[in-house]
Amino acid sequence: MVSIDSALRAERPMRPARGAPSAAPHQPQVIAPFFAGEGEGLTLHRYFDEDFVARFLNDAQAGRLTGTAAQPWFRADRFGRFGAEPTLRLPLHRCFYLVCAEVRCMAAGGPAFDPRKILGAGLVVRRVAADGSAQRWMIADGQPLGWRDGRIPDHDPDDVHRLRARGLLPVRFPEPPYSGEEVAPLHTLLATRRDARGVERKHTLLWGYLPLSGSARVQAEAPLPQTDGGDAPDFGLEHAWPLGTRDARPWVDGDGLVVTEGVASVGFVELLQTLVAQFRIDDATDPDNAGLRTLLGQMRFHHFEVRLVEGEGFPQRVPVFGDTALDWLDRSAAALVEFFARIDRGEFVAGRTALPDGTGGSRKDRLLLSEQQAENLRSLVGLRLARAQVRFDDGLPMPRYGQGDDDRFTALPFIRWHDECGCERVAWGPASHVFRVASPFDPEAQRPTTVVLPALDDLKRGLPRGVAMLAPKSLADVLRKISPDADMKGNGPGNRSGACWSFSFSLPAITLCATMLLMVVINLLNLFLGWLPRVFLALPRLCLKALRGK
């Protein structure tokens, strides 16, 4: 079992001790790549063809990559009424973007960090409003929740991975659906750069694809569980501080004392209602309770006794630890339900009445949580109750990337790594330039499309089939009876076999028909409006036969 102290060390960033600048010589640092411009972070790279991955890797190895601001599209792609930030096209426009960052060691000289020591890497895209506040695109139980406000922590964005690394969630197969901030994967690439003196230097690059798609359903029909019985959803995080975010403040001594002489604070009573009435925390067979049960098993009640301490000449007041919060909840679930009911009836007052001990009496001891335990408890409760927002019913899917005033976005990279103690840590890198995302039907984002028309001799070599449409027997009976001519008399061959039929069209024939119909329509309009000179753009293209002199 991972102790709370080791989990705390794994969560907090390393800081060299004062007077010891090399206390963590092998700590990685995610920075802008070596070719980036001054003040840049994660760089963006645009490609127009489907082989963008191979092209990017070739450019990286050949030293052809440049910073984001140095690329021509950074100034040219500014569409619509927003001109302060570049606008990124969608894959629908046959345009693709890759990102790049660098990982170096914080030792003297900043050498390349060993890619084998990187456990994983990814990027997150955040929405940045005009006032500078950021939102995260959150996912609960594999389903998108949309953009969410609130404090953005610097720990691992994957909730399940973070809590499993802390030892609070067991390893499960198959793994539970993803919960947390949406992450796109990044990959490592060891590139070599030769400076002006001919000296080669290695660089560990992080690169990956920047996804510009996604949607979330905003209509919720199922009721959300409430911790206070009200109508406004709180998602389990509106318990009183430090067990929730209500009246949140910096941690001070005494915040963790949630039970005093058997009397629980109001916030702890609210949390107990959530644990017992909603989560059924006493059900050890529910895998969703595993993380909370692990954490509750690390919290022990205690009371003080005056005892002689070895090495001391007089008695001292020392804590004596008793059962864990998990053991107490397992045997007191029924008594707590009655306790909550009497509070609702006004017989008991929350924060003034002692908790039941599960054996017919009342508790008379204390429960003290550490700062890390309270944070872990908030994370686990939030992870569990966020699933209540997931809707598998009908709803209106809203796109992830909008085109409003506040729809400005930025991307941030991060890596996971192990320190010398074997604790998993997370290091974040600098954000990219702020960008916008084009609308699918933005006329300035559209790119020309080339349609290769078939030659006439192509039709002599057969009729290539296009998309096949499978018709069931009832529809095939009708389609097979249609006469080959256009009179629709219904005297065709019929469906004598009584089987299903597959129908398809010749793509060259459809292309030729569409071209001829288009010419008819354009010529009709040309009679009245004179459109023909403005419709066609004729560009000379050298054919292979012309190059050969034939």
Protein backbone atom coordinates (compact mmCIF):
# COMPACT_ATOMS: atom_id res chain seq x y z
CA MET A 1 0.00 0.00 0.00
CA VAL A 2 1.36 3.41 -0.97
CA SER A 3 1.55 5.69 2.03
CA ILE A 4 0.06 9.14 2.12
CA ASP A 5 3.54 10.64 2.48
CA SER A 6 4.78 9.01 -0.72
CA ALA A 7 1.58 10.00 -2.54
CA LEU A 8 2.08 13.56 -1.37
CA ARG A 9 5.66 13.58 -2.63
CA ALA A 10 4.58 12.20 -5.98
CA GLU A 11 1.99 14.92 -6.41
CA ARG A 12 3.97 18.02 -5.55
CA PRO A 13 6.65 19.43 -7.89
CA MET A 14 10.26 19.06 -6.85
CA ARG A 15 12.04 22.14 -5.60
CA PRO A 16 15.80 22.09 -5.04
CA ALA A 17 16.78 22.71 -1.47
CA ARG A 18 18.23 26.12 -0.66
CA GLY A 19 21.96 26.04 -1.15
CA ALA A 20 21.79 22.83 -3.22
CA PRO A 21 21.10 23.81 -6.84
CA SER A 22 21.73 20.27 -8.10
CA ALA A 23 19.42 18.49 -5.67
CA ALA A 24 17.38 17.08 -8.59
CA PRO A 25 19.85 16.95 -11.51
CA HIS A 26 17.74 14.61 -13.65
CA GLN A 27 14.45 16.42 -13.38
CA PRO A 28 12.92 17.07 -16.84
CA GLN A 29 11.71 20.42 -18.05
CA VAL A 30 9.20 20.80 -20.89
CA ILE A 31 10.10 23.86 -22.95
CA ALA A 32 9.56 25.31 -26.39
CA PRO A 33 11.52 23.45 -29.11
CA PHE A 34 14.98 24.71 -30.01
CA PHE A 35 13.76 26.18 -33.32
CA ALA A 36 10.93 28.22 -31.73
CA GLY A 37 10.94 31.98 -31.67
CA GLU A 38 11.45 34.13 -28.61
CA GLY A 39 8.59 33.89 -26.12
CA GLU A 40 6.94 30.93 -27.87
CA GLY A 41 5.76 27.71 -26.23
CA LEU A 42 4.25 24.68 -27.90
CA THR A 43 4.64 25.24 -31.67
CA LEU A 44 1.99 24.59 -34.34
CA HIS A 45 2.75 23.23 -37.81
CA ARG A 46 0.27 23.18 -40.70
CA TYR A 47 0.08 20.57 -43.49
CA PHE A 48 -2.31 20.25 -46.42
CA ASP A 49 -1.83 16.60 -47.44
CA GLU A 50 -2.71 13.30 -45.75
CA ASP A 51 0.96 12.34 -45.36
CA PHE A 52 1.44 15.07 -42.77
CA VAL A 53 3.03 12.73 -40.20
CA ALA A 54 5.76 11.55 -42.57
CA ARG A 55 6.35 15.09 -43.78
CA PHE A 56 6.65 16.42 -40.23
CA LEU A 57 9.12 13.71 -39.21
CA ASN A 58 11.22 14.41 -42.31
CA ASP A 59 11.14 18.15 -41.60
CA ALA A 60 12.17 17.57 -37.98
CA GLN A 61 15.13 15.35 -38.90
CA ALA A 62 16.21 17.69 -41.73
CA GLY A 63 16.02 20.81 -39.57
CA ARG A 64 13.29 22.49 -41.63
CA LEU A 65 10.92 23.22 -38.74
CA THR A 66 10.43 26.82 -37.61
CA GLY A 67 8.53 28.56 -34.86
CA THR A 68 4.80 29.22 -35.14
CA ALA A 69 5.08 32.97 -35.71
CA ALA A 70 7.72 32.47 -38.43
CA GLN A 71 5.37 30.39 -40.60
CA PRO A 72 3.46 32.33 -43.31
CA TRP A 73 0.04 30.92 -42.39
CA PHE A 74 0.31 32.42 -38.88
CA ARG A 75 -0.35 35.89 -40.35
CA ALA A 76 -2.35 34.88 -43.41
CA ASP A 77 -4.97 32.63 -41.78
CA ARG A 78 -7.00 35.26 -39.93
CA PHE A 79 -10.61 34.91 -41.05
CA GLY A 80 -13.79 36.80 -40.37
CA ARG A 81 -14.19 39.57 -37.84
CA PHE A 82 -11.41 38.26 -35.59
CA GLY A 83 -7.96 39.27 -36.72
CA ALA A 84 -5.99 39.25 -33.49
CA GLU A 85 -5.41 35.47 -33.52
CA PRO A 86 -4.80 32.98 -36.33
CA THR A 87 -7.69 30.69 -37.31
CA LEU A 88 -7.01 26.98 -37.69
CA ARG A 89 -8.80 25.08 -40.43
CA LEU A 90 -10.57 21.78 -39.82
CA PRO A 91 -9.75 18.35 -41.28
CA LEU A 92 -12.92 18.92 -43.31
CA HIS A 93 -10.90 21.55 -45.17
CA ARG A 94 -8.12 18.96 -45.76
CA CYS A 95 -5.84 20.79 -43.37
CA PHE A 96 -3.96 19.17 -40.46
CA TYR A 97 -1.92 20.57 -37.57
CA LEU A 98 0.87 19.01 -35.56
CA VAL A 99 2.39 20.37 -32.36
CA CYS A 100 5.94 20.20 -31.07
CA ALA A 101 7.71 20.80 -27.75
CA GLU A 102 11.05 19.78 -26.25
CA VAL A 103 12.10 18.01 -23.05
CA ARG A 104 15.50 18.75 -21.58
CA CYS A 105 17.23 17.89 -18.36
CA MET A 106 17.61 20.59 -15.73
CA ALA A 107 21.24 19.67 -15.22
CA ALA A 108 23.96 22.10 -16.22
CA GLY A 109 23.96 22.71 -19.95
CA GLY A 110 20.39 21.49 -20.41
CA PRO A 111 21.09 18.18 -22.19
CA ALA A 112 18.32 16.22 -23.89
CA PHE A 113 16.18 14.25 -21.46
CA ASP A 114 16.32 10.50 -22.00
CA PRO A 115 13.13 9.51 -23.90
CA ARG A 116 13.15 6.13 -22.16
CA LYS A 117 12.49 7.87 -18.85
CA ILE A 118 9.28 9.48 -20.14
CA LEU A 119 6.37 7.31 -19.01
CA GLY A 120 3.84 9.13 -21.15
CA ALA A 121 3.12 12.48 -22.73
CA GLY A 122 0.06 14.36 -23.93
CA LEU A 123 -1.49 17.71 -24.63
CA VAL A 124 -4.67 19.43 -23.50
CA VAL A 125 -6.58 22.19 -25.29
CA ARG A 126 -8.13 24.88 -23.12
CA ARG A 127 -10.59 27.63 -23.87
CA VAL A 128 -9.29 31.08 -22.99
CA ALA A 129 -11.87 33.83 -22.55
CA ALA A 130 -11.19 37.49 -23.25
CA ASP A 131 -10.71 38.15 -19.52
CA GLY A 132 -7.96 35.52 -19.35
CA SER A 133 -9.95 32.85 -17.49
CA ALA A 134 -9.44 29.30 -18.79
CA GLN A 135 -11.82 26.38 -19.14
CA ARG A 136 -11.11 22.67 -19.48
CA TRP A 137 -12.89 20.17 -21.74
CA MET A 138 -13.91 17.54 -19.22
CA ILE A 139 -14.89 13.90 -19.69
CA ALA A 140 -16.66 11.69 -17.15
CA ASP A 141 -16.91 7.94 -17.54
CA GLY A 142 -15.94 8.18 -21.19
CA GLN A 143 -18.59 10.76 -22.09
CA PRO A 144 -17.81 14.47 -22.77
CA LEU A 145 -19.25 17.01 -20.35
CA GLY A 146 -18.14 20.14 -22.22
CA TRP A 147 -16.16 23.17 -21.11
CA ARG A 148 -15.94 23.57 -17.34
CA ASP A 149 -14.82 26.51 -15.21
CA GLY A 150 -13.00 26.35 -11.93
CA ARG A 151 -9.51 26.15 -10.52
CA ILE A 152 -7.12 24.30 -12.81
CA PRO A 153 -4.74 22.06 -10.83
CA ASP A 154 -1.24 21.22 -11.99
CA HIS A 155 -1.50 17.48 -11.39
CA ASP A 156 -2.16 14.70 -13.91
CA PRO A 157 -5.31 15.48 -15.96
CA ASP A 158 -6.31 11.79 -16.03
CA ASP A 159 -8.28 11.30 -12.80
CA VAL A 160 -8.12 7.50 -12.76
CA HIS A 161 -4.41 7.39 -13.64
CA ARG A 162 -3.60 9.98 -10.97
CA LEU A 163 -5.51 8.22 -8.23
CA ARG A 164 -4.12 4.84 -9.25
CA ALA A 165 -0.58 6.24 -9.08
CA ARG A 166 -1.35 7.42 -5.55
CA GLY A 167 -2.43 3.90 -4.62
CA LEU A 168 -6.04 4.93 -4.05
CA LEU A 169 -7.52 3.00 -7.00
CA PRO A 170 -6.61 -0.60 -7.87
CA VAL A 171 -5.50 -1.72 -11.30
CA ARG A 172 -8.54 -2.99 -13.22
CA PHE A 173 -8.83 -4.91 -16.46
CA PRO A 174 -10.37 -3.71 -18.59
CA GLU A 175 -9.60 -0.21 -17.43
CA PRO A 176 -12.59 1.98 -16.51
CA PRO A 177 -13.73 4.59 -19.04
CA TYR A 178 -11.67 7.75 -19.10
CA SER A 179 -12.50 10.55 -16.68
CA GLY A 180 -10.78 13.90 -16.43
CA GLU A 181 -9.58 16.55 -18.85
CA GLU A 182 -9.41 15.29 -22.42
CA VAL A 183 -5.85 14.44 -23.44
CA ALA A 184 -4.38 13.91 -26.90
CA PRO A 185 -1.24 11.73 -27.01
CA LEU A 186 2.23 13.05 -27.73
CA HIS A 187 5.20 11.02 -28.96
CA THR A 188 8.94 11.36 -28.47
CA LEU A 189 11.47 11.98 -31.24
CA LEU A 190 15.23 12.23 -30.77
CA ALA A 191 16.45 14.84 -33.28
CA THR A 192 20.00 15.98 -34.01
CA ARG A 193 21.00 19.59 -34.67
CA ARG A 194 24.33 20.78 -35.98
CA ASP A 195 25.33 24.30 -34.93
CA ALA A 196 27.47 26.79 -36.84
CA ARG A 197 30.66 25.22 -35.47
CA GLY A 198 29.65 21.79 -36.73
CA VAL A 199 28.97 20.43 -33.24
CA GLU A 200 26.03 18.03 -33.08
CA ARG A 201 23.55 18.17 -30.22
CA LYS A 202 20.66 15.87 -29.40
CA HIS A 203 17.15 17.17 -28.67
CA THR A 204 14.21 15.18 -27.28
CA LEU A 205 11.12 16.47 -29.08
CA LEU A 206 7.48 15.86 -28.22
CA TRP A 207 5.14 15.84 -31.18
CA GLY A 208 1.57 14.87 -31.89
CA TYR A 209 -1.62 15.60 -33.77
CA LEU A 210 -3.80 18.51 -32.68
CA PRO A 211 -7.44 17.32 -32.77
CA LEU A 212 -9.99 19.98 -33.67
CA SER A 213 -13.21 18.03 -33.28
CA GLY A 214 -15.60 16.90 -30.57
CA SER A 215 -19.01 17.69 -29.16
CA ALA A 216 -20.98 17.35 -25.94
CA ARG A 217 -24.67 16.90 -25.24
CA VAL A 218 -26.15 19.72 -23.21
CA GLN A 219 -29.70 18.47 -22.60
CA ALA A 220 -29.96 16.46 -19.41
CA GLU A 221 -33.14 14.52 -18.66
CA ALA A 222 -32.08 12.28 -15.79
CA PRO A 223 -32.07 13.92 -12.33
CA LEU A 224 -28.74 14.73 -10.77
CA PRO A 225 -28.05 13.46 -7.24
CA GLN A 226 -28.01 16.23 -4.66
CA THR A 227 -26.05 16.21 -1.44
CA ASP A 228 -28.39 18.70 0.22
CA GLY A 229 -31.71 17.58 -1.26
CA GLY A 230 -32.12 20.84 -3.22
CA ASP A 231 -32.81 21.43 -6.87
CA ALA A 232 -29.52 23.05 -7.91
CA PRO A 233 -26.83 20.51 -8.90
CA ASP A 234 -23.64 20.63 -6.92
CA PHE A 235 -21.91 17.54 -8.40
CA GLY A 236 -20.63 16.53 -4.99
CA LEU A 237 -18.11 19.37 -4.70
CA GLU A 238 -20.27 21.84 -2.77
CA HIS A 239 -19.68 20.28 0.60
CA ALA A 240 -18.24 22.64 3.16
CA TRP A 241 -14.48 23.16 3.12
CA PRO A 242 -12.21 21.15 3.33
CA LEU A 243 -14.39 18.27 2.11
CA GLY A 244 -15.76 20.33 -0.78
CA THR A 245 -15.30 23.68 -2.47
CA ARG A 246 -17.93 25.67 -0.61
CA ASP A 247 -16.24 28.54 1.24
CA ALA A 248 -12.86 27.31 -0.03
CA ARG A 249 -9.78 29.02 1.37
CA PRO A 250 -6.08 28.27 1.82
CA TRP A 251 -5.43 25.38 4.16
CA VAL A 252 -4.87 26.32 7.78
CA ASP A 253 -4.24 24.25 10.88
CA GLY A 254 -7.47 22.89 12.23
CA ASP A 255 -9.26 22.54 8.89
CA GLY A 256 -8.78 18.79 8.94
CA LEU A 257 -10.48 18.24 12.32
CA VAL A 258 -13.87 16.98 11.12
CA VAL A 259 -14.96 15.05 14.26
CA THR A 260 -14.44 16.39 17.78
CA GLU A 261 -15.49 14.32 20.79
CA GLY A 262 -17.78 12.30 18.52
CA VAL A 263 -19.52 15.38 17.04
CA ALA A 264 -19.01 15.77 13.29
CA SER A 265 -18.83 19.09 11.51
CA VAL A 266 -21.71 20.08 9.23
CA GLY A 267 -19.54 19.50 6.16
CA PHE A 268 -18.62 15.99 7.33
CA VAL A 269 -22.30 15.17 7.92
CA GLU A 270 -23.05 16.28 4.34
CA LEU A 271 -20.21 14.09 3.08
CA LEU A 272 -21.48 11.12 5.08
CA GLN A 273 -24.90 11.54 3.47
CA THR A 274 -23.24 11.38 0.06
CA LEU A 275 -21.11 8.36 0.97
CA VAL A 276 -23.84 6.33 2.62
CA ALA A 277 -27.07 7.36 0.87
CA GLN A 278 -25.77 7.84 -2.69
CA PHE A 279 -22.57 5.82 -3.03
CA ARG A 280 -23.49 2.94 -0.70
CA ILE A 281 -19.90 3.03 0.46
CA ASP A 282 -20.48 -0.07 2.61
CA ASP A 283 -20.87 -2.12 -0.60
CA ALA A 284 -17.38 -3.53 -1.03
CA THR A 285 -18.37 -5.35 -4.24
CA ASP A 286 -18.91 -2.11 -6.16
CA PRO A 287 -15.63 -1.40 -8.04
CA ASP A 288 -16.50 2.31 -8.18
CA ASN A 289 -16.15 2.45 -4.39
CA ALA A 290 -12.61 1.03 -4.41
CA GLY A 291 -10.79 4.38 -4.36
CA LEU A 292 -12.93 5.88 -1.61
CA ARG A 293 -12.72 2.71 0.50
CA THR A 294 -8.93 2.69 0.17
CA LEU A 295 -8.70 6.29 1.33
CA LEU A 296 -11.19 5.81 4.17
CA GLY A 297 -9.17 2.81 5.31
CA GLN A 298 -6.22 5.17 5.87
CA MET A 299 -8.17 7.54 8.15
CA ARG A 300 -8.19 6.54 11.82
CA PHE A 301 -10.20 7.88 14.72
CA HIS A 302 -8.20 8.72 17.84
CA HIS A 303 -8.53 10.00 21.36
CA PHE A 304 -6.01 11.40 23.86
CA GLU A 305 -4.75 9.65 26.96
CA VAL A 306 -2.21 10.69 29.56
CA ARG A 307 0.59 8.14 29.45
CA LEU A 308 4.22 7.78 30.38
CA VAL A 309 6.36 8.19 27.27
CA GLU A 310 9.64 6.32 27.03
CA GLY A 311 12.50 8.74 27.59
CA GLU A 312 10.34 11.31 29.36
CA GLY A 313 10.18 11.74 33.11
CA PHE A 314 6.56 12.82 33.36
CA PRO A 315 3.24 11.72 31.80
CA GLN A 316 2.20 13.27 28.51
CA ARG A 317 -1.01 13.57 26.55
CA VAL A 318 -0.61 11.26 23.53
CA PRO A 319 -3.03 10.20 20.78
CA VAL A 320 -4.35 6.65 20.85
CA PHE A 321 -5.62 5.44 17.48
CA GLY A 322 -8.72 3.29 17.10
CA ASP A 323 -10.69 1.91 14.17
CA THR A 324 -10.60 3.34 10.67
CA ALA A 325 -13.35 5.39 9.08
CA LEU A 326 -13.96 2.51 6.66
CA ASP A 327 -14.52 -0.05 9.45
CA TRP A 328 -16.88 2.36 11.18
CA LEU A 329 -18.91 3.03 8.01
CA ASP A 330 -19.17 -0.68 7.20
CA ARG A 331 -20.83 -1.44 10.52
CA SER A 332 -22.70 1.86 10.96
CA ALA A 333 -24.41 2.32 7.56
CA ALA A 334 -27.89 1.44 8.90
CA ALA A 335 -27.41 3.56 12.03
CA LEU A 336 -26.28 6.52 9.92
CA VAL A 337 -29.39 6.30 7.74
CA GLU A 338 -31.50 6.60 10.89
CA PHE A 339 -29.21 9.41 12.07
CA PHE A 340 -29.83 11.38 8.84
CA ALA A 341 -33.57 10.77 9.09
CA ARG A 342 -33.70 12.21 12.61
CA ILE A 343 -31.79 15.27 11.40
CA ASP A 344 -34.42 15.77 8.67
CA ARG A 345 -37.20 15.46 11.26
CA GLY A 346 -35.49 18.05 13.47
CA GLU A 347 -34.77 15.64 16.30
CA PHE A 348 -31.01 15.97 15.85
CA VAL A 349 -28.98 19.03 14.84
CA ALA A 350 -26.11 18.53 12.42
CA GLY A 351 -22.85 19.66 13.97
CA ARG A 352 -24.12 19.28 17.54
CA THR A 353 -25.12 15.61 17.89
CA ALA A 354 -22.59 12.82 18.33
CA LEU A 355 -22.29 10.23 15.57
CA PRO A 356 -23.42 6.65 16.20
CA ASP A 357 -20.62 4.17 16.78
CA GLY A 358 -22.40 1.25 15.10
CA THR A 359 -22.78 -0.76 18.31
CA GLY A 360 -25.74 1.09 19.83
CA GLY A 361 -23.79 3.93 21.40
CA SER A 362 -22.20 7.19 20.30
CA ARG A 363 -18.68 8.07 19.29
CA LYS A 364 -16.56 10.04 21.74
CA ASP A 365 -13.28 10.38 19.80
CA ARG A 366 -11.79 12.57 17.07
CA LEU A 367 -11.02 12.32 13.34
CA LEU A 368 -8.28 14.47 11.83
CA LEU A 369 -7.55 14.60 8.08
CA SER A 370 -4.32 15.78 6.54
CA GLU A 371 -4.31 18.33 3.74
CA GLN A 372 -3.46 15.63 1.21
CA GLN A 373 -6.22 13.33 2.48
CA ALA A 374 -8.78 16.12 2.14
CA GLU A 375 -7.62 16.85 -1.43
CA ASN A 376 -7.77 13.15 -2.32
CA LEU A 377 -11.25 12.94 -0.85
CA ARG A 378 -12.45 15.90 -2.92
CA SER A 379 -10.98 14.35 -6.07
CA LEU A 380 -12.57 10.95 -5.50
CA VAL A 381 -15.99 12.37 -4.63
CA GLY A 382 -15.88 14.67 -7.64
CA LEU A 383 -14.84 11.81 -9.92
CA ARG A 384 -17.69 9.63 -8.68
CA LEU A 385 -20.43 12.26 -8.85
CA ALA A 386 -19.29 13.65 -12.20
CA ARG A 387 -20.65 10.49 -13.75
CA ALA A 388 -24.11 11.69 -12.86
CA GLN A 389 -23.72 14.33 -15.55
CA VAL A 390 -23.09 11.74 -18.25
CA ARG A 391 -26.14 11.37 -20.45
CA PHE A 392 -26.73 8.50 -22.81
CA ASP A 393 -30.18 9.84 -23.71
CA ASP A 394 -31.10 12.13 -26.56
CA GLY A 395 -29.57 15.57 -26.32
CA LEU A 396 -28.38 18.41 -28.48
CA PRO A 397 -24.71 17.85 -29.40
CA MET A 398 -22.89 21.16 -29.22
CA PRO A 399 -19.53 21.41 -31.01
CA ARG A 400 -16.43 21.70 -28.91
CA TYR A 401 -14.96 24.59 -30.87
CA GLY A 402 -17.19 27.60 -31.45
CA GLN A 403 -16.64 30.88 -33.23
CA GLY A 404 -17.84 33.37 -30.61
CA ASP A 405 -15.99 36.25 -29.00
CA ASP A 406 -14.65 34.08 -26.18
CA ASP A 407 -13.86 31.04 -28.33
CA ARG A 408 -10.09 31.39 -28.12
CA PHE A 409 -7.98 28.31 -27.48
CA THR A 410 -4.48 27.28 -26.53
CA ALA A 411 -2.68 23.93 -26.21
CA LEU A 412 -0.39 22.81 -23.37
CA PRO A 413 1.95 19.77 -23.27
CA PHE A 414 2.86 17.61 -20.28
CA ILE A 415 4.88 14.47 -19.53
CA ARG A 416 4.85 11.77 -16.86
CA TRP A 417 8.14 10.58 -15.40
CA HIS A 418 9.65 8.72 -12.44
CA ASP A 419 12.03 10.40 -10.06
CA GLU A 420 14.89 8.69 -8.25
CA CYS A 421 12.48 7.51 -5.53
CA GLY A 422 10.21 5.78 -8.03
CA CYS A 423 7.37 8.28 -7.57
CA GLU A 424 5.45 9.28 -10.67
CA ARG A 425 5.44 13.00 -11.37
CA VAL A 426 3.97 15.33 -13.96
CA ALA A 427 5.80 18.20 -15.66
CA TRP A 428 3.85 20.78 -17.69
CA GLY A 429 5.20 22.81 -20.58
CA PRO A 430 4.47 26.29 -21.94
CA ALA A 431 1.26 26.96 -23.86
CA SER A 432 1.03 27.54 -27.58
CA HIS A 433 -0.07 30.77 -29.24
CA VAL A 434 -3.74 31.53 -28.76
CA PHE A 435 -5.73 30.46 -31.80
CA ARG A 436 -9.28 30.23 -33.10
CA VAL A 437 -10.98 27.41 -35.01
CA ALA A 438 -12.75 27.97 -38.31
CA SER A 439 -16.38 27.10 -38.92
CA PRO A 440 -16.96 24.09 -41.21
CA PHE A 441 -18.67 26.39 -43.75
CA ASP A 442 -16.36 29.38 -43.44
CA PRO A 443 -15.87 30.50 -47.08
CA GLU A 444 -12.33 31.77 -46.38
CA ALA A 445 -11.33 28.44 -44.85
CA GLN A 446 -12.42 26.40 -47.87
CA ARG A 447 -9.69 25.10 -50.15
CA PRO A 448 -9.87 24.30 -53.89
CA THR A 449 -10.86 20.76 -54.81
CA THR A 450 -9.62 18.90 -57.89
CA VAL A 451 -12.00 16.44 -59.62
CA VAL A 452 -10.35 14.32 -62.31
CA LEU A 453 -12.82 13.76 -65.12
CA PRO A 454 -12.72 10.38 -66.94
CA ALA A 455 -11.60 10.08 -70.54
CA LEU A 456 -14.08 8.78 -73.08
CA ASP A 457 -12.05 5.62 -73.67
CA ASP A 458 -12.38 4.80 -69.96
CA LEU A 459 -16.02 3.91 -70.56
CA LYS A 460 -15.00 1.31 -73.16
CA ARG A 461 -12.98 -0.64 -70.62
CA GLY A 462 -15.93 -1.32 -68.30
CA LEU A 463 -18.16 0.42 -65.86
CA PRO A 464 -16.46 0.85 -62.46
CA ARG A 465 -18.92 0.54 -59.65
CA GLY A 466 -19.23 3.06 -56.90
CA VAL A 467 -21.07 2.87 -53.59
CA ALA A 468 -23.15 -0.30 -53.33
CA MET A 469 -26.66 -0.09 -51.91
CA LEU A 470 -28.14 -3.28 -50.50
CA ALA A 471 -31.87 -3.47 -51.19
CA PRO A 472 -34.01 -5.92 -49.16
CA LYS A 473 -36.37 -8.27 -50.97
CA SER A 474 -39.43 -5.99 -50.79
CA LEU A 475 -37.57 -3.05 -52.36
CA ALA A 476 -35.71 -5.26 -54.87
CA ASP A 477 -39.07 -6.62 -56.10
CA VAL A 478 -40.03 -3.09 -57.16
CA LEU A 479 -36.66 -1.96 -58.52
CA ARG A 480 -36.19 -5.06 -60.68
CA LYS A 481 -39.62 -4.60 -62.30
CA ILE A 482 -38.78 -1.12 -63.60
CA SER A 483 -38.31 -1.11 -67.37
CA PRO A 484 -34.83 -0.15 -68.63
CA ASP A 485 -36.34 2.75 -70.58
CA ALA A 486 -37.56 5.84 -68.80
CA ASP A 487 -41.28 5.21 -69.08
CA MET A 488 -41.45 3.44 -65.69
CA LYS A 489 -44.04 0.93 -66.99
CA GLY A 490 -43.04 -1.73 -64.55
CA ASN A 491 -42.40 -4.47 -67.10
CA GLY A 492 -38.79 -5.15 -66.23
CA PRO A 493 -37.22 -8.53 -65.47
CA GLY A 494 -38.60 -8.66 -61.94
CA ASN A 495 -37.14 -10.37 -58.88
CA ARG A 496 -37.91 -14.00 -59.71
CA SER A 497 -35.28 -15.33 -57.33
CA GLY A 498 -36.90 -13.56 -54.37
CA ALA A 499 -33.49 -12.51 -53.03
CA CYS A 500 -31.94 -9.25 -51.88
CA TRP A 501 -30.07 -7.26 -54.54
CA SER A 502 -27.06 -4.96 -54.46
CA PHE A 503 -27.31 -1.86 -56.69
CA SER A 504 -24.46 0.51 -57.54
CA PHE A 505 -23.76 3.34 -59.96
CA SER A 506 -20.93 3.91 -62.42
CA LEU A 507 -18.91 6.80 -61.05
CA PRO A 508 -17.58 8.02 -64.47
CA ALA A 509 -21.11 8.00 -65.87
CA ILE A 510 -22.41 10.00 -62.90
CA THR A 511 -19.53 12.47 -63.20
CA LEU A 512 -20.20 13.00 -66.91
CA CYS A 513 -23.94 13.37 -66.34
CA ALA A 514 -23.38 15.86 -63.54
CA THR A 515 -20.98 17.85 -65.73
CA MET A 516 -23.44 17.94 -68.63
CA LEU A 517 -26.35 18.95 -66.39
CA LEU A 518 -24.20 21.66 -64.85
CA MET A 519 -23.33 22.98 -68.32
CA VAL A 520 -27.01 23.09 -69.26
CA VAL A 521 -27.89 25.11 -66.16
CA ILE A 522 -24.94 27.48 -66.61
CA ASN A 523 -25.78 28.10 -70.28
CA LEU A 524 -29.39 28.85 -69.39
CA LEU A 525 -28.27 31.38 -66.79
CA ASN A 526 -25.73 32.76 -69.23
CA LEU A 527 -28.54 33.69 -71.65
CA PHE A 528 -29.96 36.16 -69.12
CA LEU A 529 -27.08 37.05 -66.76
CA GLY A 530 -23.94 36.48 -68.81
CA TRP A 531 -22.37 34.24 -66.17
CA LEU A 532 -20.26 32.04 -68.44
CA PRO A 533 -17.06 34.18 -68.42
CA ARG A 534 -17.09 34.20 -64.61
CA VAL A 535 -17.82 30.51 -64.04
CA PHE A 536 -14.76 28.75 -65.43
CA LEU A 537 -11.18 29.35 -64.42
CA ALA A 538 -8.98 27.84 -67.14
CA LEU A 539 -5.39 27.03 -66.17
CA PRO A 540 -2.93 25.36 -68.58
CA ARG A 541 -1.70 21.93 -67.42
CA LEU A 542 1.11 20.18 -69.29
CA CYS A 543 0.19 16.59 -70.08
CA LEU A 544 2.76 13.84 -70.19
CA LYS A 545 2.33 13.35 -73.96
CA ALA A 546 3.01 17.03 -74.59
CA LEU A 547 6.24 16.83 -72.63
CA ARG A 548 7.34 13.91 -74.78
CA GLY A 549 6.61 15.84 -77.98
CA LYS A 550 3.71 13.64 -79.02
